Amino acid sequence: MSNEDKYEMVIGLEVHAQLNTKTKIFASDETIFGAEPNTQVSPITLGLPGVLPKFNSAVFKKAIKMGIACHCSITKENHFARKNYFYADLPKGYQITQDKKPICTGGYIEIEVDGEVKQIALTRIHMEEDAGKNNHELDPDYSLIDLNRAGVPLIEIVSEPDIRSSEDAHAYLTEIRKLVRYLDICDGNMEEGSLRCDANVSIRLKGETKYNTRVEVKNMNSIRNVKRAIENEVKRQIELVENGGTVDQETRSFNQADGSSFPLRSKEHAHDYRYFPEPDLPPVIVKQETIESIKASMPALPNELIEKFIKEYQLSVYDARVLTDEKEFALFYLELVQHTKNYKAAANWVMGEVRSFVNEHNISLNSSTIKPENIAQIIALTDENKISSTGGKNIFAEYIKGNTKSAVEIADELNLLQSSDNNELTSWANEAIAQFPDKVLEYKKGKKGNINLFMGTVMKLSKGKADPKLTTKILEELLSEK
């Protein structure tokens, strides 16, 4: 047994999601990503003496949405606390967060890895404000501070140490990103820092039940890098223990260039933060009718849509999962099937041509010129054998360019409409057969695959306009007469 096989990894993830409110959690400053540094600040953001915070009610509504989606209990009486620590990007010297009474407790997130469904338990979801941002790259001698992000509302989603593999961690984080996007509470872009993840990683011998010293790993800007960082940290800890060392509780930063990590500081304990109740904010009371109202307004979530796609539209589990991976494709499909009953063809178009175009051009589906009714028109023409599959792709290419005509009008203009005229098809079929007398003899002797040669020739003669089904029937009849 290798050293790695002796141990199991124990992982808990802390995920921070920036809520997409127009203003900050305790101030009226805007929250536009990419604004000029220090242009979205105010006396409240700067923590100047005498200022008082005012709670943004949109924040708790979005937090409750996430709690409902994660099967949490919603706390009716919420309190804020001060978490005291000093960093240059936190002007007040403390962060307003939640301690003893978070907005959501318990709950779980369901993941599927290699066909196995698992539930990752949550400890809590709480509301808090973000800190500013240090920039170490613009000046060789100084760190520059941008406080635009200070005070932007966050929810922190804290899991139990239930995750046992880097693959599970990848699936868990993917599911959170999917949920916040479906709920429209966060854009989920890790590259822009609106979704951030810290991993608490420890190891223990297989069969052990006690938890060992954990290490927190930060600075991972993609789901893939979270997976890499966990694998690196587990390997580091195993090597350390196997060589007689001990794991120290610390915070480490992940180096995405080479997959290594380096220590930042010894890990703080809760008492180091000296939490105490925030005196400037009253409790936030959540009424049951508010919870019910929020629940009623929530969109269908991925698991609900997967079930709907399988039951109502007879799609495979694979197709349903692919279609629901991203919200805009799921919604596009839902609109598309309002215009066609060929649900499988609709799924193929969304997963194929539509998805390829959007990914290739790195644009959102909503900002493209592709409309569900256009795809439905192409499907209808194909189902009626009026165009070939290649013709459908040619029409789709026109819609990409912004063509606003109907599919049949475009097909007519591009000469894509297939011929179903028996006389015309018979003429092409006879011409094709006449070109290959030796292949006709082979066909008569049982080499039925030769019909593909004749079919291809008809397609060339007709420039793709021959109806394939009718043409095949006519060829079979003509060849049986020879």
Protein backbone atom coordinates (compact mmCIF):
# COMPACT_ATOMS: atom_id res chain seq x y z
CA MET A 1 0.00 0.00 0.00
CA SER A 2 1.40 3.41 -0.98
CA ASN A 3 1.57 6.24 1.51
CA GLU A 4 -1.30 8.03 -0.25
CA ASP A 5 -3.55 4.97 0.03
CA LYS A 6 -3.18 4.89 3.83
CA TYR A 7 -4.84 8.27 4.27
CA GLU A 8 -8.12 9.93 3.48
CA MET A 9 -8.57 13.63 2.94
CA VAL A 10 -11.00 15.62 5.07
CA ILE A 11 -12.16 18.85 3.42
CA GLY A 12 -14.48 21.66 4.36
CA LEU A 13 -15.07 24.58 2.00
CA GLU A 14 -15.88 28.19 2.82
CA VAL A 15 -17.41 29.86 -0.22
CA HIS A 16 -17.93 33.62 -0.40
CA ALA A 17 -20.50 34.82 -2.95
CA GLN A 18 -20.73 38.53 -3.73
CA LEU A 19 -24.42 39.40 -3.95
CA ASN A 20 -25.42 41.36 -7.03
CA THR A 21 -27.21 44.20 -5.27
CA LYS A 22 -26.95 47.69 -6.76
CA THR A 23 -25.57 49.14 -3.54
CA LYS A 24 -23.43 47.93 -0.66
CA ILE A 25 -24.68 46.09 2.39
CA PHE A 26 -24.53 49.05 4.83
CA ALA A 27 -24.09 52.07 2.51
CA SER A 28 -25.54 53.51 -0.69
CA ASP A 29 -22.28 53.26 -2.66
CA GLU A 30 -22.59 51.52 -6.03
CA THR A 31 -21.12 48.06 -6.62
CA ILE A 32 -20.09 48.19 -10.30
CA PHE A 33 -17.24 45.79 -11.09
CA GLY A 34 -14.26 47.34 -12.86
CA ALA A 35 -14.93 50.96 -11.83
CA GLU A 36 -11.94 53.27 -11.34
CA PRO A 37 -10.24 52.56 -7.99
CA ASN A 38 -11.72 54.27 -4.95
CA THR A 39 -14.62 55.86 -6.82
CA GLN A 40 -17.34 53.79 -5.10
CA VAL A 41 -16.69 54.86 -1.53
CA SER A 42 -18.36 57.04 1.09
CA PRO A 43 -17.77 58.02 4.74
CA ILE A 44 -19.51 54.78 5.75
CA THR A 45 -17.26 52.66 3.53
CA LEU A 46 -14.22 54.49 4.88
CA GLY A 47 -15.32 53.93 8.46
CA LEU A 48 -15.03 57.60 9.41
CA PRO A 49 -15.91 58.58 13.00
CA GLY A 50 -19.61 59.12 13.71
CA VAL A 51 -21.02 57.27 10.67
CA LEU A 52 -23.78 54.71 11.11
CA PRO A 53 -24.48 51.68 8.90
CA LYS A 54 -27.91 51.07 7.39
CA PHE A 55 -28.82 47.52 6.38
CA ASN A 56 -29.70 46.81 2.72
CA SER A 57 -32.85 44.66 2.87
CA ALA A 58 -32.16 43.16 -0.57
CA VAL A 59 -29.24 41.31 0.99
CA PHE A 60 -31.24 39.19 3.40
CA LYS A 61 -33.79 38.33 0.69
CA LYS A 62 -31.01 36.97 -1.52
CA ALA A 63 -29.46 35.12 1.42
CA ILE A 64 -32.81 33.51 2.21
CA LYS A 65 -33.13 32.38 -1.43
CA MET A 66 -29.83 30.54 -1.14
CA GLY A 67 -30.87 29.06 2.18
CA ILE A 68 -34.12 27.71 0.73
CA ALA A 69 -32.25 26.27 -2.26
CA CYS A 70 -29.85 24.51 0.14
CA HIS A 71 -32.60 23.10 2.39
CA CYS A 72 -31.48 25.25 5.36
CA SER A 73 -33.41 26.43 8.39
CA ILE A 74 -34.02 30.19 8.19
CA THR A 75 -33.24 32.14 11.37
CA LYS A 76 -36.13 34.39 12.34
CA GLU A 77 -34.12 36.81 14.54
CA ASN A 78 -30.80 37.77 12.99
CA HIS A 79 -28.00 39.66 14.72
CA PHE A 80 -24.85 41.23 13.33
CA ALA A 81 -21.46 41.14 15.06
CA ARG A 82 -18.12 42.87 14.80
CA LYS A 83 -15.20 40.67 13.80
CA ASN A 84 -12.10 42.56 14.87
CA TYR A 85 -8.89 42.39 12.89
CA PHE A 86 -6.73 44.88 11.10
CA TYR A 87 -5.79 44.73 7.46
CA ALA A 88 -5.02 47.74 5.31
CA ASP A 89 -8.05 47.03 3.09
CA LEU A 90 -10.48 47.09 6.04
CA PRO A 91 -10.65 50.77 7.08
CA LYS A 92 -12.79 50.35 10.19
CA GLY A 93 -10.48 47.76 11.72
CA TYR A 94 -13.40 45.35 12.00
CA GLN A 95 -15.77 43.53 9.68
CA ILE A 96 -19.53 43.50 10.19
CA THR A 97 -20.61 39.88 9.91
CA GLN A 98 -22.81 37.33 11.68
CA ASP A 99 -21.57 35.16 14.52
CA LYS A 100 -23.96 33.42 16.89
CA LYS A 101 -27.12 33.85 14.81
CA PRO A 102 -26.51 33.45 11.06
CA ILE A 103 -29.33 33.84 8.55
CA CYS A 104 -29.27 30.12 7.62
CA THR A 105 -28.26 26.99 9.51
CA GLY A 106 -27.96 23.34 8.54
CA GLY A 107 -29.01 22.20 5.11
CA TYR A 108 -27.03 20.44 2.41
CA ILE A 109 -25.91 20.59 -1.20
CA GLU A 110 -26.41 17.52 -3.38
CA ILE A 111 -23.65 16.50 -5.77
CA GLU A 112 -23.12 13.62 -8.17
CA VAL A 113 -19.67 12.18 -8.90
CA ASP A 114 -19.15 9.09 -11.05
CA GLY A 115 -22.84 8.25 -10.83
CA GLU A 116 -22.93 8.41 -7.03
CA VAL A 117 -25.21 11.01 -5.42
CA LYS A 118 -23.94 12.54 -2.17
CA GLN A 119 -25.19 15.19 0.22
CA ILE A 120 -22.59 17.61 1.57
CA ALA A 121 -23.88 19.03 4.86
CA LEU A 122 -23.74 22.76 5.53
CA THR A 123 -22.91 24.35 8.84
CA ARG A 124 -24.32 27.77 8.05
CA ILE A 125 -24.81 30.57 5.56
CA HIS A 126 -24.23 34.05 6.93
CA MET A 127 -24.26 37.63 5.67
CA GLU A 128 -21.27 39.96 5.90
CA GLU A 129 -19.45 42.80 4.19
CA ASP A 130 -16.46 42.35 1.90
CA ALA A 131 -13.09 44.00 2.43
CA GLY A 132 -11.23 46.12 -0.10
CA LYS A 133 -8.49 44.84 -2.35
CA ASN A 134 -4.71 45.18 -2.25
CA ASN A 135 -2.81 45.47 -5.51
CA HIS A 136 0.86 44.48 -5.35
CA GLU A 137 1.57 44.64 -9.09
CA LEU A 138 1.11 48.27 -10.16
CA ASP A 139 3.96 49.69 -8.08
CA PRO A 140 7.29 47.98 -7.35
CA ASP A 141 7.65 49.58 -3.91
CA TYR A 142 4.12 49.92 -2.53
CA SER A 143 0.89 48.00 -2.19
CA LEU A 144 -2.00 50.03 -3.57
CA ILE A 145 -5.44 49.78 -1.96
CA ASP A 146 -8.75 49.91 -3.79
CA LEU A 147 -11.72 50.26 -1.41
CA ASN A 148 -14.42 49.92 -4.08
CA ARG A 149 -15.06 46.35 -2.91
CA ALA A 150 -15.18 47.27 0.79
CA GLY A 151 -18.77 46.90 1.99
CA VAL A 152 -19.97 44.84 -0.98
CA PRO A 153 -22.48 42.30 0.41
CA LEU A 154 -21.40 38.69 0.77
CA ILE A 155 -22.91 35.46 1.85
CA GLU A 156 -20.48 32.89 3.19
CA ILE A 157 -21.52 29.27 2.66
CA VAL A 158 -19.70 27.05 5.14
CA SER A 159 -19.72 23.28 4.70
CA GLU A 160 -19.17 20.60 7.26
CA PRO A 161 -15.90 18.64 6.76
CA ASP A 162 -17.85 16.11 4.69
CA ILE A 163 -15.85 16.25 1.47
CA ARG A 164 -13.51 13.29 0.91
CA SER A 165 -11.96 13.91 -2.51
CA SER A 166 -10.86 16.74 -4.76
CA GLU A 167 -13.44 15.53 -7.30
CA ASP A 168 -16.20 15.94 -4.71
CA ALA A 169 -14.92 19.44 -3.91
CA HIS A 170 -14.98 20.29 -7.63
CA ALA A 171 -18.57 19.04 -7.95
CA TYR A 172 -19.66 20.87 -4.77
CA LEU A 173 -18.26 24.20 -5.92
CA THR A 174 -19.71 23.71 -9.41
CA GLU A 175 -23.13 23.13 -7.85
CA ILE A 176 -22.88 26.29 -5.72
CA ARG A 177 -21.94 28.34 -8.77
CA LYS A 178 -24.87 26.85 -10.65
CA LEU A 179 -27.28 27.63 -7.80
CA VAL A 180 -26.26 31.28 -7.35
CA ARG A 181 -26.60 31.83 -11.09
CA TYR A 182 -30.03 30.18 -11.30
CA LEU A 183 -31.19 32.23 -8.30
CA ASP A 184 -29.70 35.37 -9.90
CA ILE A 185 -28.02 36.42 -6.65
CA CYS A 186 -24.39 36.32 -7.86
CA ASP A 187 -22.75 36.04 -11.29
CA GLY A 188 -20.49 33.24 -10.01
CA ASN A 189 -17.38 34.50 -11.80
CA MET A 190 -14.37 33.29 -9.82
CA GLU A 191 -12.01 35.08 -12.21
CA GLU A 192 -13.51 38.42 -11.15
CA GLY A 193 -13.58 37.47 -7.47
CA SER A 194 -17.36 37.48 -7.14
CA LEU A 195 -17.20 33.83 -6.07
CA ARG A 196 -14.27 32.90 -3.86
CA CYS A 197 -13.39 29.69 -2.07
CA ASP A 198 -11.13 28.85 0.87
CA ALA A 199 -10.40 25.16 1.48
CA ASN A 200 -9.81 23.70 4.93
CA VAL A 201 -7.77 20.56 4.37
CA SER A 202 -6.57 17.83 6.72
CA ILE A 203 -5.67 14.16 6.48
CA ARG A 204 -6.22 11.13 8.68
CA LEU A 205 -5.54 7.42 8.46
CA LYS A 206 -8.38 5.51 6.83
CA GLY A 207 -10.71 4.22 9.51
CA GLU A 208 -9.98 7.04 11.94
CA THR A 209 -12.90 9.18 13.08
CA LYS A 210 -11.17 12.09 14.81
CA TYR A 211 -10.30 15.25 12.93
CA ASN A 212 -6.66 16.30 12.74
CA THR A 213 -5.06 19.72 12.38
CA ARG A 214 -6.37 21.51 9.31
CA VAL A 215 -4.71 23.98 6.96
CA GLU A 216 -6.63 26.72 5.16
CA VAL A 217 -5.68 27.30 1.51
CA LYS A 218 -6.58 30.61 -0.16
CA ASN A 219 -6.10 32.46 -3.46
CA MET A 220 -7.72 30.04 -5.90
CA ASN A 221 -9.35 31.80 -8.84
CA SER A 222 -11.07 28.88 -10.57
CA ILE A 223 -12.83 25.65 -9.69
CA ARG A 224 -10.02 23.74 -11.37
CA ASN A 225 -7.47 25.48 -9.18
CA VAL A 226 -9.44 24.60 -6.04
CA LYS A 227 -9.11 20.96 -7.06
CA ARG A 228 -5.38 21.37 -7.76
CA ALA A 229 -4.76 23.18 -4.48
CA ILE A 230 -6.49 20.44 -2.45
CA GLU A 231 -4.48 17.71 -4.17
CA ASN A 232 -1.25 19.62 -3.58
CA GLU A 233 -2.01 20.26 0.09
CA VAL A 234 -2.99 16.64 0.77
CA LYS A 235 0.25 15.44 -0.83
CA ARG A 236 2.26 17.97 1.20
CA GLN A 237 0.65 16.89 4.48
CA ILE A 238 1.14 13.18 3.78
CA GLU A 239 4.82 13.70 2.98
CA LEU A 240 5.23 15.82 6.11
CA VAL A 241 3.62 13.23 8.41
CA GLU A 242 5.38 10.27 6.80
CA ASN A 243 8.72 12.00 7.39
CA GLY A 244 7.99 12.41 11.09
CA GLY A 245 6.74 16.00 11.00
CA THR A 246 3.51 17.52 12.24
CA VAL A 247 0.95 19.65 10.44
CA ASP A 248 0.69 23.18 11.83
CA GLN A 249 -2.60 25.08 11.74
CA GLU A 250 -1.93 27.88 9.29
CA THR A 251 -3.21 29.74 6.28
CA ARG A 252 -1.43 29.08 2.98
CA SER A 253 -1.66 30.80 -0.41
CA PHE A 254 -1.94 28.75 -3.59
CA ASN A 255 0.48 29.47 -6.43
CA GLN A 256 -1.47 28.70 -9.59
CA ALA A 257 1.63 28.91 -11.79
CA ASP A 258 3.25 25.74 -10.41
CA GLY A 259 0.52 24.28 -8.16
CA SER A 260 2.48 24.83 -4.95
CA SER A 261 1.50 26.79 -1.83
CA PHE A 262 3.33 28.91 0.73
CA PRO A 263 2.46 29.98 4.28
CA LEU A 264 0.76 33.34 4.85
CA ARG A 265 0.19 33.33 8.60
CA SER A 266 -0.63 31.07 11.51
CA LYS A 267 -4.36 30.38 11.52
CA GLU A 268 -6.45 32.53 13.82
CA HIS A 269 -8.98 30.99 16.21
CA ALA A 270 -12.45 32.43 16.75
CA HIS A 271 -11.43 34.06 20.01
CA ASP A 272 -8.65 35.95 18.22
CA TYR A 273 -11.31 37.97 16.41
CA ARG A 274 -12.96 39.16 19.65
CA TYR A 275 -16.49 38.93 18.25
CA PHE A 276 -19.06 41.10 19.96
CA PRO A 277 -22.58 42.27 18.99
CA GLU A 278 -22.69 45.15 16.50
CA PRO A 279 -24.14 48.03 18.56
CA ASP A 280 -25.15 50.19 15.59
CA LEU A 281 -27.49 47.66 13.92
CA PRO A 282 -30.77 46.35 15.35
CA PRO A 283 -31.77 42.69 14.87
CA VAL A 284 -33.17 41.77 11.44
CA ILE A 285 -36.51 40.00 11.95
CA VAL A 286 -37.61 37.56 9.25
CA LYS A 287 -41.32 36.81 9.18
CA GLN A 288 -42.66 33.47 7.98
CA GLU A 289 -44.78 35.19 5.33
CA THR A 290 -41.60 36.78 3.97
CA ILE A 291 -39.98 33.35 3.65
CA GLU A 292 -43.08 31.97 1.91
CA SER A 293 -43.18 34.94 -0.46
CA ILE A 294 -39.51 34.50 -1.39
CA LYS A 295 -40.00 30.76 -1.85
CA ALA A 296 -42.95 31.36 -4.19
CA SER A 297 -40.91 33.78 -6.31
CA MET A 298 -37.96 31.43 -6.80
CA PRO A 299 -37.24 29.97 -10.25
CA ALA A 300 -37.04 26.26 -10.98
CA LEU A 301 -33.63 25.00 -9.87
CA PRO A 302 -31.37 22.57 -11.78
CA ASN A 303 -32.57 19.35 -10.11
CA GLU A 304 -36.20 20.31 -10.70
CA LEU A 305 -35.48 21.02 -14.36
CA ILE A 306 -33.58 17.75 -14.78
CA GLU A 307 -36.65 15.88 -13.53
CA LYS A 308 -38.93 17.96 -15.78
CA PHE A 309 -36.78 17.38 -18.88
CA ILE A 310 -36.71 13.64 -18.28
CA LYS A 311 -40.42 13.21 -17.46
CA GLU A 312 -42.10 15.77 -19.72
CA TYR A 313 -39.70 15.85 -22.68
CA GLN A 314 -38.45 12.24 -22.57
CA LEU A 315 -34.80 13.25 -22.58
CA SER A 316 -32.01 11.05 -21.28
CA VAL A 317 -30.43 11.80 -17.90
CA TYR A 318 -27.26 12.86 -19.73
CA ASP A 319 -29.08 15.32 -22.01
CA ALA A 320 -31.03 16.77 -19.08
CA ARG A 321 -27.87 17.34 -17.06
CA VAL A 322 -26.01 18.96 -19.94
CA LEU A 323 -28.93 21.27 -20.72
CA THR A 324 -29.19 22.41 -17.08
CA ASP A 325 -25.46 22.97 -16.55
CA GLU A 326 -25.95 26.62 -17.40
CA LYS A 327 -29.10 28.62 -16.74
CA GLU A 328 -29.29 30.42 -20.08
CA PHE A 329 -29.22 27.16 -22.07
CA ALA A 330 -31.90 25.60 -19.85
CA LEU A 331 -34.16 28.63 -20.29
CA PHE A 332 -33.49 28.70 -24.04
CA TYR A 333 -34.53 25.04 -24.27
CA LEU A 334 -37.68 25.67 -22.25
CA GLU A 335 -38.68 28.39 -24.68
CA LEU A 336 -37.71 26.31 -27.71
CA VAL A 337 -40.01 23.42 -26.76
CA GLN A 338 -42.90 25.85 -26.73
CA HIS A 339 -42.44 26.04 -30.53
CA THR A 340 -41.70 22.38 -31.37
CA LYS A 341 -42.72 18.93 -30.17
CA ASN A 342 -39.52 17.29 -31.40
CA TYR A 343 -37.92 17.54 -27.96
CA LYS A 344 -34.87 15.42 -28.78
CA ALA A 345 -34.01 17.43 -31.89
CA ALA A 346 -34.43 20.62 -29.84
CA ALA A 347 -31.99 19.28 -27.23
CA ASN A 348 -29.50 18.30 -29.93
CA TRP A 349 -29.58 21.78 -31.43
CA VAL A 350 -29.06 23.51 -28.06
CA MET A 351 -26.27 21.15 -26.98
CA GLY A 352 -24.69 21.17 -30.43
CA GLU A 353 -24.76 24.11 -32.81
CA VAL A 354 -26.08 26.70 -30.35
CA ARG A 355 -23.66 25.86 -27.56
CA SER A 356 -20.69 25.58 -29.94
CA PHE A 357 -21.37 29.00 -31.43
CA VAL A 358 -21.70 30.71 -28.03
CA ASN A 359 -18.56 29.04 -26.64
CA GLU A 360 -16.50 29.67 -29.77
CA HIS A 361 -17.29 33.38 -29.76
CA ASN A 362 -17.17 33.71 -25.95
CA ILE A 363 -20.51 35.50 -25.77
CA SER A 364 -23.66 34.95 -23.75
CA LEU A 365 -26.59 33.23 -25.41
CA ASN A 366 -28.87 36.09 -24.37
CA SER A 367 -26.74 38.61 -26.26
CA SER A 368 -26.63 36.55 -29.46
CA THR A 369 -28.96 36.87 -32.45
CA ILE A 370 -30.18 33.28 -32.07
CA LYS A 371 -33.87 32.94 -31.19
CA PRO A 372 -35.68 29.75 -30.06
CA GLU A 373 -38.40 30.22 -32.70
CA ASN A 374 -35.72 30.25 -35.44
CA ILE A 375 -34.36 26.89 -34.29
CA ALA A 376 -37.92 25.52 -34.14
CA GLN A 377 -38.47 26.58 -37.78
CA ILE A 378 -35.30 24.73 -38.83
CA ILE A 379 -36.42 21.61 -36.96
CA ALA A 380 -39.85 21.76 -38.63
CA LEU A 381 -38.34 22.02 -42.12
CA THR A 382 -35.99 19.12 -41.39
CA ASP A 383 -38.77 16.94 -39.94
CA GLU A 384 -40.88 17.61 -43.06
CA ASN A 385 -37.91 16.58 -45.26
CA LYS A 386 -37.96 19.99 -46.89
CA ILE A 387 -34.28 20.59 -46.05
CA SER A 388 -31.34 18.36 -45.20
CA SER A 389 -29.40 18.52 -41.93
CA THR A 390 -26.68 20.39 -43.81
CA GLY A 391 -29.30 22.81 -45.07
CA GLY A 392 -30.40 23.38 -41.49
CA LYS A 393 -26.85 24.32 -40.52
CA ASN A 394 -26.67 26.74 -43.45
CA ILE A 395 -29.85 28.45 -42.27
CA PHE A 396 -28.47 28.57 -38.71
CA ALA A 397 -25.37 30.32 -40.09
CA GLU A 398 -27.66 33.01 -41.52
CA TYR A 399 -29.29 33.56 -38.12
CA ILE A 400 -25.84 33.96 -36.59
CA LYS A 401 -25.24 36.80 -39.05
CA GLY A 402 -28.45 38.47 -37.89
CA ASN A 403 -30.80 37.41 -40.70
CA THR A 404 -34.36 38.08 -39.51
CA LYS A 405 -36.27 36.20 -42.24
CA SER A 406 -38.15 32.96 -41.64
CA ALA A 407 -36.30 29.69 -42.09
CA VAL A 408 -38.33 28.77 -45.17
CA GLU A 409 -37.57 32.15 -46.78
CA ILE A 410 -33.85 31.69 -46.16
CA ALA A 411 -34.01 28.11 -47.48
CA ASP A 412 -35.71 29.35 -50.65
CA GLU A 413 -33.16 32.15 -51.16
CA LEU A 414 -30.23 29.77 -50.68
CA ASN A 415 -31.84 27.09 -52.87
CA LEU A 416 -31.85 24.62 -49.97
CA LEU A 417 -35.40 23.29 -50.29
CA GLN A 418 -35.33 19.60 -51.16
CA SER A 419 -37.17 18.31 -54.19
CA SER A 420 -39.94 15.75 -53.68
CA ASP A 421 -41.00 15.80 -57.33
CA ASN A 422 -41.09 12.13 -58.40
CA ASN A 423 -40.28 12.88 -62.02
CA GLU A 424 -37.28 15.01 -61.12
CA LEU A 425 -36.00 12.49 -58.58
CA THR A 426 -36.46 9.60 -61.02
CA SER A 427 -34.49 11.50 -63.66
CA TRP A 428 -31.57 12.04 -61.27
CA ALA A 429 -31.73 8.43 -60.09
CA ASN A 430 -31.59 7.05 -63.65
CA GLU A 431 -28.64 9.32 -64.47
CA ALA A 432 -26.78 8.11 -61.37
CA ILE A 433 -27.45 4.44 -62.14
CA ALA A 434 -26.30 4.88 -65.75
CA GLN A 435 -22.89 6.14 -64.58
CA PHE A 436 -22.01 2.85 -62.79
CA PRO A 437 -23.23 -0.22 -64.72
CA ASP A 438 -20.68 -2.50 -62.98
CA LYS A 439 -21.94 -1.36 -59.55
CA VAL A 440 -25.49 -2.15 -60.65
CA LEU A 441 -24.43 -5.75 -61.34
CA GLU A 442 -22.76 -5.94 -57.92
CA TYR A 443 -25.95 -4.64 -56.32
CA LYS A 444 -28.01 -7.29 -58.11
CA LYS A 445 -25.64 -9.96 -56.76
CA GLY A 446 -26.28 -8.86 -53.22
CA LYS A 447 -23.91 -5.95 -52.56
CA LYS A 448 -26.72 -3.73 -51.29
CA GLY A 449 -24.29 -1.18 -49.81
CA ASN A 450 -23.72 0.14 -53.34
CA ILE A 451 -26.96 2.06 -53.01
CA ASN A 452 -24.99 4.63 -51.00
CA LEU A 453 -22.87 5.33 -54.08
CA PHE A 454 -25.96 5.96 -56.19
CA MET A 455 -27.48 8.07 -53.43
CA GLY A 456 -24.35 10.22 -53.20
CA THR A 457 -24.35 10.72 -56.93
CA VAL A 458 -28.00 11.83 -56.89
CA MET A 459 -27.15 14.33 -54.18
CA LYS A 460 -24.34 15.75 -56.31
CA LEU A 461 -26.57 15.96 -59.39
CA SER A 462 -29.34 17.65 -57.39
CA LYS A 463 -26.88 19.86 -55.47
CA GLY A 464 -28.26 18.43 -52.23
CA LYS A 465 -31.90 19.14 -53.06
CA ALA A 466 -33.10 15.54 -53.46
CA ASP A 467 -35.34 14.25 -50.66
CA PRO A 468 -33.26 11.39 -49.18
CA LYS A 469 -36.17 9.10 -48.22
CA LEU A 470 -37.98 9.40 -51.54
CA THR A 471 -34.73 9.10 -53.47
CA THR A 472 -33.78 5.89 -51.63
CA LYS A 473 -37.16 4.38 -52.40
CA ILE A 474 -36.93 5.31 -56.08
CA LEU A 475 -33.38 3.93 -56.38
CA GLU A 476 -34.41 0.64 -54.80
CA GLU A 477 -37.34 0.33 -57.22
CA LEU A 478 -35.20 1.17 -60.28
CA LEU A 479 -32.39 -1.19 -59.28
CA SER A 480 -34.82 -4.06 -58.72
CA GLU A 481 -36.04 -3.60 -62.30
CA LYS A 482 -32.57 -3.73 -63.89
